[in-house]
Amino acid sequence: MQCVFNDNEFLERVQDPEAKFESNIECNYIDMPNIWHFKDEKFQDFFNQLAEHEDYSLFDQTVIQKFIDFNYPYVRAYTVRRLFIPFIAF
C-alpha cells in the first residue's frame, strides 16, 4: 500500500491517451498529519480514543473504516508477532 499520492502513476492508470471516451472518477483522501504513522504519539492517542468510545455508530463512518483498513496490515503483523506466536511457543 502506497502512502504518498503519485500524480503520474494515477494518470497512467486512469487516463488512456488512445481512448475516445471520457469518464468520471471519484478520488477521496484524508488529511490527518502525524496520525497515520503508528509510532507517533498522536496515533496512539487517536486509537485509544477509538477503543474507549462507547458509541459504535462512529465506526459506520467511511473515514474511520478506511483509516482502520489502512492500518490493519500493521496491526495484524504486530498481533501475530507479539501475541499469537509467543502464546503458541509457551
Protein backbone atom coordinates (compact mmCIF):
# COMPACT_ATOMS: atom_id res chain seq x y z
CA MET A 1 0.00 0.00 0.00
CA GLN A 2 1.38 3.38 -1.01
CA CYS A 3 1.11 6.29 1.42
CA VAL A 4 2.13 9.06 -0.96
CA PHE A 5 -0.04 10.16 -3.88
CA ASN A 6 1.80 9.94 -7.21
CA ASP A 7 0.21 12.08 -9.95
CA ASN A 8 1.97 10.34 -12.82
CA GLU A 9 1.04 6.84 -11.71
CA PHE A 10 -2.55 7.94 -11.19
CA LEU A 11 -2.78 9.42 -14.68
CA GLU A 12 -1.20 6.35 -16.27
CA ARG A 13 -3.74 4.06 -14.65
CA VAL A 14 -6.81 6.19 -15.25
CA GLN A 15 -6.18 8.06 -18.45
CA ASP A 16 -5.62 6.16 -21.68
CA PRO A 17 -4.46 8.51 -24.48
CA GLU A 18 -5.89 6.14 -27.13
CA ALA A 19 -9.36 6.10 -25.58
CA LYS A 20 -12.13 8.03 -27.34
CA PHE A 21 -14.36 8.45 -24.31
CA GLU A 22 -14.48 10.33 -21.05
CA SER A 23 -15.35 9.01 -17.65
CA ASN A 24 -15.84 10.47 -14.21
CA ILE A 25 -13.79 9.22 -11.32
CA GLU A 26 -14.08 9.74 -7.62
CA CYS A 27 -10.99 10.30 -5.53
CA ASN A 28 -11.26 10.61 -1.74
CA TYR A 29 -8.43 11.38 0.63
CA ILE A 30 -7.99 12.04 4.30
CA ASP A 31 -5.54 14.64 5.57
CA MET A 32 -4.57 13.67 9.10
CA PRO A 33 -0.97 14.78 9.67
CA ASN A 34 1.06 12.63 12.08
CA ILE A 35 -1.87 10.33 12.86
CA TRP A 36 -1.36 7.85 10.02
CA HIS A 37 2.02 6.67 11.40
CA PHE A 38 1.59 4.03 14.08
CA LYS A 39 4.73 5.05 16.02
CA ASP A 40 3.52 8.60 16.55
CA GLU A 41 2.08 9.57 19.94
CA LYS A 42 -0.97 11.20 18.32
CA PHE A 43 -1.68 7.93 16.51
CA GLN A 44 -1.72 6.05 19.82
CA ASP A 45 -4.00 8.66 21.39
CA PHE A 46 -6.37 8.51 18.43
CA PHE A 47 -6.65 4.71 18.50
CA ASN A 48 -7.02 4.70 22.29
CA GLN A 49 -9.94 7.10 21.96
CA LEU A 50 -11.48 4.86 19.29
CA ALA A 51 -11.04 1.82 21.53
CA GLU A 52 -12.66 3.54 24.52
CA HIS A 53 -15.51 5.11 22.54
CA GLU A 54 -18.90 3.73 23.56
CA ASP A 55 -20.95 4.85 20.56
CA TYR A 56 -20.40 2.18 17.88
CA SER A 57 -22.12 4.26 15.22
CA LEU A 58 -18.80 6.10 14.91
CA PHE A 59 -17.46 3.03 13.12
CA ASP A 60 -20.14 3.36 10.43
CA GLN A 61 -18.33 6.42 9.08
CA THR A 62 -16.35 5.74 5.93
CA VAL A 63 -13.38 7.79 7.16
CA ILE A 64 -12.96 5.65 10.27
CA GLN A 65 -13.41 2.42 8.29
CA LYS A 66 -10.75 3.43 5.75
CA PHE A 67 -8.37 4.50 8.48
CA ILE A 68 -8.73 1.13 10.20
CA ASP A 69 -8.41 -0.73 6.88
CA PHE A 70 -5.24 1.20 6.08
CA ASN A 71 -3.61 0.27 9.39
CA TYR A 72 -4.92 -3.30 9.60
CA PRO A 73 -1.86 -4.99 7.98
CA TYR A 74 0.44 -3.38 10.57
CA VAL A 75 -1.84 -4.23 13.48
CA ARG A 76 -2.25 -7.80 12.25
CA ALA A 77 1.52 -8.30 11.90
CA TYR A 78 2.09 -6.88 15.40
CA THR A 79 -0.62 -9.09 16.87
CA VAL A 80 0.80 -12.23 15.26
CA ARG A 81 4.41 -11.46 16.28
CA ARG A 82 3.82 -10.13 19.78
CA LEU A 83 0.77 -12.07 20.96
CA PHE A 84 -0.02 -15.13 18.87
CA ILE A 85 3.47 -16.61 18.31
CA PRO A 86 4.52 -16.28 22.00
CA PHE A 87 1.22 -17.84 23.02
CA ILE A 88 1.86 -20.84 20.76
CA ALA A 89 5.51 -21.12 21.82
CA PHE A 90 4.78 -21.22 25.54
